[in-house]
Amino acid sequence: MGIFSVECLLENQQTRTRSILVRDVLVDTGSELTWISREHLTTIGIQAEKLNRQFVMANGESITRSIGFAIIRVGEEVTTDEVVFAEGHELQLLGARTLEGLNLRVDSRNKKLVAAGPHPAAGNLAIG
């Protein structure tokens, strides 16, 4: 796929003036959730809401981390999503679920995020 990073602006959902620009967030479609350092999240007042959730790392190691909620902006796109409180040495990752919420996809040839196009919809189905 090719490895590349992006900048993300994270905002506190309750107090949107509390925000932080996070540089070098690795785009990782292999990670379901977005991982941001505990330091960044607590700086803008994001609290852990889901405590001690289990994760399996790429090397097979099982760990527990807490999860909070944030508004995430990449370029002109915005979504709200769960974010994992990354600890110390762990990478900051932009996960697949956040990419879907942002309606962005990976352009692996050019190592950048691009618009994913129109959202699929069920349409007007008449029941009866």
N, C-alpha and C. Protein backbone atom coordinates (compact mmCIF):
# COMPACT_ATOMS: atom_id res chain seq x y z
N MET A 1 0.82 -1.20 0.00
CA MET A 1 0.00 0.00 0.00
C MET A 1 0.86 1.25 0.00
N GLY A 2 1.98 1.23 0.67
CA GLY A 2 2.78 2.44 0.81
C GLY A 2 2.44 3.13 2.11
N ILE A 3 3.46 3.57 2.80
CA ILE A 3 3.27 4.20 4.10
C ILE A 3 3.36 5.71 3.94
N PHE A 4 2.40 6.41 4.54
CA PHE A 4 2.47 7.86 4.57
C PHE A 4 1.69 8.39 5.76
N SER A 5 1.94 9.65 6.08
CA SER A 5 1.31 10.29 7.24
C SER A 5 0.55 11.52 6.81
N VAL A 6 -0.37 11.94 7.68
CA VAL A 6 -1.17 13.15 7.45
C VAL A 6 -1.21 13.96 8.74
N GLU A 7 -1.70 15.19 8.62
CA GLU A 7 -1.98 16.02 9.79
C GLU A 7 -3.47 15.90 10.11
N CYS A 8 -3.78 15.82 11.39
CA CYS A 8 -5.17 15.77 11.85
C CYS A 8 -5.39 16.87 12.88
N LEU A 9 -6.52 17.52 12.78
CA LEU A 9 -6.93 18.45 13.82
C LEU A 9 -7.96 17.72 14.67
N LEU A 10 -7.68 17.58 15.95
CA LEU A 10 -8.62 16.93 16.86
C LEU A 10 -9.27 18.00 17.72
N GLU A 11 -10.58 17.85 17.93
CA GLU A 11 -11.34 18.79 18.75
C GLU A 11 -12.08 18.03 19.83
N ASN A 12 -12.24 18.67 20.97
CA ASN A 12 -13.08 18.18 22.04
C ASN A 12 -14.53 18.37 21.61
N GLN A 13 -15.36 17.35 21.72
CA GLN A 13 -16.75 17.43 21.27
C GLN A 13 -17.59 18.40 22.09
N GLN A 14 -17.31 18.54 23.37
CA GLN A 14 -18.09 19.43 24.22
C GLN A 14 -17.61 20.87 24.15
N THR A 15 -16.31 21.06 24.01
CA THR A 15 -15.72 22.39 23.96
C THR A 15 -14.86 22.46 22.70
N ARG A 16 -15.50 22.80 21.59
CA ARG A 16 -14.83 22.69 20.30
C ARG A 16 -13.67 23.67 20.13
N THR A 17 -13.56 24.65 21.01
CA THR A 17 -12.42 25.56 20.94
C THR A 17 -11.16 24.89 21.49
N ARG A 18 -11.32 23.77 22.16
CA ARG A 18 -10.16 23.01 22.65
C ARG A 18 -9.76 22.03 21.55
N SER A 19 -8.66 22.33 20.88
CA SER A 19 -8.23 21.51 19.76
C SER A 19 -6.71 21.42 19.72
N ILE A 20 -6.22 20.47 18.94
CA ILE A 20 -4.78 20.29 18.79
C ILE A 20 -4.50 19.75 17.39
N LEU A 21 -3.48 20.30 16.75
CA LEU A 21 -3.04 19.80 15.45
C LEU A 21 -2.00 18.72 15.71
N VAL A 22 -2.28 17.53 15.18
CA VAL A 22 -1.37 16.40 15.38
C VAL A 22 -0.73 16.07 14.03
N ARG A 23 0.57 16.22 13.99
CA ARG A 23 1.32 15.95 12.75
C ARG A 23 1.78 14.49 12.73
N ASP A 24 2.11 14.02 11.57
CA ASP A 24 2.69 12.68 11.39
C ASP A 24 1.81 11.56 11.95
N VAL A 25 0.53 11.61 11.62
CA VAL A 25 -0.38 10.52 11.98
C VAL A 25 -0.34 9.52 10.82
N LEU A 26 0.11 8.32 11.08
CA LEU A 26 0.28 7.30 10.07
C LEU A 26 -1.08 6.80 9.58
N VAL A 27 -1.31 6.80 8.29
CA VAL A 27 -2.54 6.27 7.72
C VAL A 27 -2.42 4.75 7.75
N ASP A 28 -3.35 4.09 8.45
CA ASP A 28 -3.26 2.64 8.66
C ASP A 28 -4.62 1.99 8.46
N THR A 29 -4.90 1.53 7.26
CA THR A 29 -6.18 0.87 6.99
C THR A 29 -6.28 -0.49 7.68
N GLY A 30 -5.18 -0.98 8.22
CA GLY A 30 -5.20 -2.23 8.97
C GLY A 30 -5.65 -2.06 10.40
N SER A 31 -5.74 -0.81 10.85
CA SER A 31 -6.22 -0.52 12.20
C SER A 31 -7.67 -0.05 12.09
N GLU A 32 -8.56 -0.67 12.84
CA GLU A 32 -9.96 -0.25 12.80
C GLU A 32 -10.12 1.15 13.37
N LEU A 33 -9.50 1.41 14.52
CA LEU A 33 -9.68 2.68 15.20
C LEU A 33 -8.47 3.58 15.04
N THR A 34 -8.67 4.86 15.32
CA THR A 34 -7.61 5.85 15.31
C THR A 34 -6.94 5.87 16.68
N TRP A 35 -5.61 5.95 16.68
CA TRP A 35 -4.81 5.98 17.91
C TRP A 35 -4.10 7.32 17.98
N ILE A 36 -4.30 8.04 19.07
CA ILE A 36 -3.66 9.33 19.30
C ILE A 36 -3.06 9.30 20.71
N SER A 37 -1.92 9.95 20.88
CA SER A 37 -1.23 9.88 22.17
C SER A 37 -2.12 10.41 23.30
N ARG A 38 -2.00 9.74 24.42
CA ARG A 38 -2.74 10.15 25.63
C ARG A 38 -2.47 11.62 25.93
N GLU A 39 -1.22 12.05 25.77
CA GLU A 39 -0.84 13.44 26.06
C GLU A 39 -1.67 14.41 25.22
N HIS A 40 -1.79 14.16 23.91
CA HIS A 40 -2.57 15.05 23.05
C HIS A 40 -4.05 15.06 23.45
N LEU A 41 -4.60 13.89 23.71
CA LEU A 41 -6.03 13.79 24.04
C LEU A 41 -6.35 14.49 25.35
N THR A 42 -5.52 14.28 26.36
CA THR A 42 -5.80 14.91 27.66
C THR A 42 -5.55 16.42 27.61
N THR A 43 -4.64 16.86 26.75
CA THR A 43 -4.37 18.30 26.60
C THR A 43 -5.63 19.05 26.19
N ILE A 44 -6.48 18.42 25.35
CA ILE A 44 -7.70 19.10 24.90
C ILE A 44 -8.94 18.63 25.67
N GLY A 45 -8.70 17.90 26.76
CA GLY A 45 -9.79 17.55 27.66
C GLY A 45 -10.63 16.35 27.24
N ILE A 46 -10.12 15.53 26.35
CA ILE A 46 -10.86 14.31 25.98
C ILE A 46 -10.67 13.29 27.09
N GLN A 47 -11.79 12.75 27.54
CA GLN A 47 -11.76 11.80 28.65
C GLN A 47 -11.94 10.38 28.14
N ALA A 48 -11.34 9.45 28.86
CA ALA A 48 -11.53 8.03 28.56
C ALA A 48 -12.95 7.65 28.96
N GLU A 49 -13.70 7.12 28.01
CA GLU A 49 -15.09 6.72 28.25
C GLU A 49 -15.24 5.20 28.30
N LYS A 50 -14.51 4.52 27.45
CA LYS A 50 -14.50 3.05 27.42
C LYS A 50 -13.15 2.62 27.98
N LEU A 51 -13.17 2.03 29.15
CA LEU A 51 -11.93 1.72 29.85
C LEU A 51 -11.48 0.29 29.61
N ASN A 52 -10.16 0.11 29.55
CA ASN A 52 -9.54 -1.21 29.52
C ASN A 52 -10.11 -2.12 28.43
N ARG A 53 -10.13 -1.63 27.20
CA ARG A 53 -10.59 -2.43 26.06
C ARG A 53 -9.40 -3.20 25.49
N GLN A 54 -9.65 -4.42 25.07
CA GLN A 54 -8.57 -5.26 24.56
C GLN A 54 -8.32 -5.03 23.08
N PHE A 55 -7.04 -5.04 22.71
CA PHE A 55 -6.60 -4.92 21.34
C PHE A 55 -5.54 -5.97 21.06
N VAL A 56 -5.51 -6.46 19.83
CA VAL A 56 -4.45 -7.37 19.41
C VAL A 56 -3.56 -6.60 18.45
N MET A 57 -2.29 -6.50 18.80
CA MET A 57 -1.33 -5.77 17.99
C MET A 57 -0.92 -6.62 16.78
N ALA A 58 -0.26 -5.99 15.81
CA ALA A 58 0.17 -6.68 14.58
C ALA A 58 1.08 -7.86 14.89
N ASN A 59 1.84 -7.79 15.99
CA ASN A 59 2.75 -8.88 16.36
C ASN A 59 2.06 -9.97 17.18
N GLY A 60 0.74 -9.85 17.38
CA GLY A 60 -0.01 -10.85 18.12
C GLY A 60 -0.15 -10.55 19.60
N GLU A 61 0.55 -9.55 20.09
CA GLU A 61 0.49 -9.18 21.50
C GLU A 61 -0.89 -8.60 21.84
N SER A 62 -1.42 -8.98 22.99
CA SER A 62 -2.71 -8.46 23.47
C SER A 62 -2.44 -7.36 24.50
N ILE A 63 -3.09 -6.20 24.31
CA ILE A 63 -2.93 -5.09 25.24
C ILE A 63 -4.29 -4.50 25.58
N THR A 64 -4.34 -3.69 26.62
CA THR A 64 -5.57 -2.97 26.94
C THR A 64 -5.30 -1.47 26.88
N ARG A 65 -6.27 -0.75 26.32
CA ARG A 65 -6.20 0.70 26.22
C ARG A 65 -7.60 1.26 26.42
N SER A 66 -7.67 2.53 26.75
CA SER A 66 -8.95 3.20 26.90
C SER A 66 -9.29 3.97 25.63
N ILE A 67 -10.58 4.29 25.48
CA ILE A 67 -11.10 4.95 24.28
C ILE A 67 -11.91 6.17 24.68
N GLY A 68 -11.75 7.26 23.93
CA GLY A 68 -12.55 8.46 24.11
C GLY A 68 -13.19 8.85 22.79
N PHE A 69 -13.84 10.00 22.76
CA PHE A 69 -14.53 10.47 21.56
C PHE A 69 -14.01 11.83 21.16
N ALA A 70 -13.77 12.02 19.86
CA ALA A 70 -13.22 13.29 19.37
C ALA A 70 -13.80 13.63 18.01
N ILE A 71 -13.75 14.91 17.68
CA ILE A 71 -14.00 15.37 16.32
C ILE A 71 -12.65 15.35 15.62
N ILE A 72 -12.60 14.78 14.43
CA ILE A 72 -11.35 14.64 13.69
C ILE A 72 -11.49 15.31 12.34
N ARG A 73 -10.54 16.18 12.04
CA ARG A 73 -10.51 16.87 10.74
C ARG A 73 -9.22 16.53 10.01
N VAL A 74 -9.37 16.20 8.74
CA VAL A 74 -8.22 16.01 7.85
C VAL A 74 -8.53 16.84 6.61
N GLY A 75 -7.73 17.86 6.38
CA GLY A 75 -8.02 18.79 5.28
C GLY A 75 -9.38 19.43 5.51
N GLU A 76 -10.23 19.36 4.51
CA GLU A 76 -11.57 19.95 4.59
C GLU A 76 -12.61 18.99 5.16
N GLU A 77 -12.25 17.74 5.37
CA GLU A 77 -13.20 16.73 5.81
C GLU A 77 -13.24 16.63 7.33
N VAL A 78 -14.42 16.25 7.86
CA VAL A 78 -14.60 16.17 9.31
C VAL A 78 -15.49 14.98 9.66
N THR A 79 -15.21 14.36 10.79
CA THR A 79 -16.05 13.30 11.33
C THR A 79 -15.89 13.28 12.85
N THR A 80 -16.73 12.55 13.49
CA THR A 80 -16.58 12.29 14.92
C THR A 80 -16.37 10.79 15.08
N ASP A 81 -15.48 10.40 15.98
CA ASP A 81 -15.16 8.97 16.09
C ASP A 81 -14.55 8.66 17.44
N GLU A 82 -14.41 7.37 17.69
CA GLU A 82 -13.70 6.89 18.86
C GLU A 82 -12.21 7.00 18.59
N VAL A 83 -11.45 7.36 19.62
CA VAL A 83 -9.99 7.42 19.52
C VAL A 83 -9.39 6.66 20.70
N VAL A 84 -8.38 5.88 20.39
CA VAL A 84 -7.68 5.09 21.40
C VAL A 84 -6.58 5.95 22.02
N PHE A 85 -6.45 5.89 23.34
CA PHE A 85 -5.39 6.59 24.06
C PHE A 85 -4.08 5.81 23.90
N ALA A 86 -3.26 6.21 22.93
CA ALA A 86 -1.97 5.56 22.69
C ALA A 86 -1.00 5.92 23.80
N GLU A 87 -0.20 4.97 24.17
CA GLU A 87 0.76 5.18 25.26
C GLU A 87 2.18 5.33 24.71
N GLY A 88 2.98 6.12 25.40
CA GLY A 88 4.40 6.32 25.16
C GLY A 88 4.93 6.11 23.76
N HIS A 89 5.44 4.94 23.49
CA HIS A 89 6.14 4.61 22.26
C HIS A 89 5.22 4.23 21.09
N GLU A 90 3.92 4.11 21.34
CA GLU A 90 3.01 3.63 20.30
C GLU A 90 2.79 4.68 19.21
N LEU A 91 2.64 4.20 18.00
CA LEU A 91 2.41 5.09 16.86
C LEU A 91 1.04 5.74 16.94
N GLN A 92 0.94 6.93 16.36
CA GLN A 92 -0.35 7.58 16.19
C GLN A 92 -0.87 7.15 14.82
N LEU A 93 -2.09 6.62 14.79
CA LEU A 93 -2.63 6.01 13.58
C LEU A 93 -3.98 6.61 13.23
N LEU A 94 -4.22 6.81 11.94
CA LEU A 94 -5.53 7.17 11.43
C LEU A 94 -6.15 5.89 10.90
N GLY A 95 -7.15 5.36 11.61
CA GLY A 95 -7.70 4.05 11.31
C GLY A 95 -8.77 4.05 10.23
N ALA A 96 -9.14 2.84 9.82
CA ALA A 96 -10.09 2.64 8.72
C ALA A 96 -11.46 3.24 9.00
N ARG A 97 -11.93 3.13 10.23
CA ARG A 97 -13.26 3.64 10.54
C ARG A 97 -13.30 5.16 10.42
N THR A 98 -12.24 5.83 10.86
CA THR A 98 -12.17 7.28 10.73
C THR A 98 -12.10 7.68 9.26
N LEU A 99 -11.31 6.96 8.48
CA LEU A 99 -11.23 7.24 7.04
C LEU A 99 -12.60 7.12 6.39
N GLU A 100 -13.35 6.11 6.77
CA GLU A 100 -14.70 5.96 6.23
C GLU A 100 -15.59 7.12 6.64
N GLY A 101 -15.50 7.54 7.89
CA GLY A 101 -16.29 8.68 8.36
C GLY A 101 -15.92 9.97 7.65
N LEU A 102 -14.65 10.12 7.31
CA LEU A 102 -14.17 11.29 6.58
C LEU A 102 -14.52 11.21 5.09
N ASN A 103 -14.98 10.04 4.65
CA ASN A 103 -15.26 9.76 3.24
C ASN A 103 -14.00 9.96 2.39
N LEU A 104 -12.89 9.43 2.92
CA LEU A 104 -11.62 9.47 2.21
C LEU A 104 -11.13 8.05 1.96
N ARG A 105 -10.36 7.91 0.89
CA ARG A 105 -9.73 6.62 0.60
C ARG A 105 -8.25 6.86 0.32
N VAL A 106 -7.49 5.78 0.36
CA VAL A 106 -6.05 5.86 0.15
C VAL A 106 -5.73 5.77 -1.34
N ASP A 107 -4.97 6.74 -1.82
CA ASP A 107 -4.37 6.69 -3.16
C ASP A 107 -2.94 6.22 -2.93
N SER A 108 -2.71 4.90 -3.03
CA SER A 108 -1.41 4.34 -2.66
C SER A 108 -0.31 4.73 -3.65
N ARG A 109 -0.67 4.95 -4.89
CA ARG A 109 0.35 5.34 -5.88
C ARG A 109 0.95 6.70 -5.53
N ASN A 110 0.10 7.65 -5.16
CA ASN A 110 0.56 9.00 -4.85
C ASN A 110 0.74 9.26 -3.36
N LYS A 111 0.50 8.23 -2.55
CA LYS A 111 0.65 8.31 -1.09
C LYS A 111 -0.07 9.52 -0.51
N LYS A 112 -1.39 9.54 -0.75
CA LYS A 112 -2.21 10.60 -0.18
C LYS A 112 -3.65 10.12 -0.05
N LEU A 113 -4.44 10.90 0.68
CA LEU A 113 -5.86 10.61 0.83
C LEU A 113 -6.63 11.40 -0.20
N VAL A 114 -7.65 10.76 -0.78
CA VAL A 114 -8.49 11.41 -1.78
C VAL A 114 -9.95 11.15 -1.45
N ALA A 115 -10.83 11.95 -2.03
CA ALA A 115 -12.27 11.78 -1.81
C ALA A 115 -12.71 10.40 -2.26
N ALA A 116 -13.55 9.78 -1.46
CA ALA A 116 -14.02 8.43 -1.78
C ALA A 116 -15.22 8.45 -2.72
N GLY A 117 -15.78 9.62 -2.98
CA GLY A 117 -16.92 9.71 -3.89
C GLY A 117 -18.24 9.70 -3.14
N PRO A 118 -19.33 9.60 -3.91
CA PRO A 118 -20.66 9.66 -3.29
C PRO A 118 -20.87 8.52 -2.28
N HIS A 119 -21.63 8.83 -1.25
CA HIS A 119 -22.00 7.82 -0.26
C HIS A 119 -23.06 6.90 -0.86
N PRO A 120 -22.94 5.60 -0.69
CA PRO A 120 -24.01 4.71 -1.16
C PRO A 120 -25.27 4.90 -0.31
N ALA A 121 -26.41 4.78 -0.93
CA ALA A 121 -27.68 4.93 -0.22
C ALA A 121 -28.65 3.87 -0.73
N ALA A 122 -29.62 3.52 0.10
CA ALA A 122 -30.60 2.52 -0.27
C ALA A 122 -31.60 3.05 -1.27
N GLY A 123 -31.80 4.35 -1.30
CA GLY A 123 -32.77 4.94 -2.22
C GLY A 123 -34.17 4.90 -1.64
N ASN A 124 -35.13 5.28 -2.46
CA ASN A 124 -36.53 5.30 -2.03
C ASN A 124 -37.18 3.97 -2.37
N LEU A 125 -37.18 3.10 -1.40
CA LEU A 125 -37.82 1.81 -1.60
C LEU A 125 -39.20 1.86 -0.99
N ALA A 126 -40.18 1.59 -1.81
CA ALA A 126 -41.57 1.57 -1.31
C ALA A 126 -41.86 0.20 -0.72
N ILE A 127 -42.44 0.22 0.46
CA ILE A 127 -42.83 -1.03 1.12
C ILE A 127 -44.35 -1.14 1.01
N GLY A 128 -44.77 -2.27 0.62
CA GLY A 128 -46.21 -2.40 0.60
C GLY A 128 -46.66 -3.14 -0.52
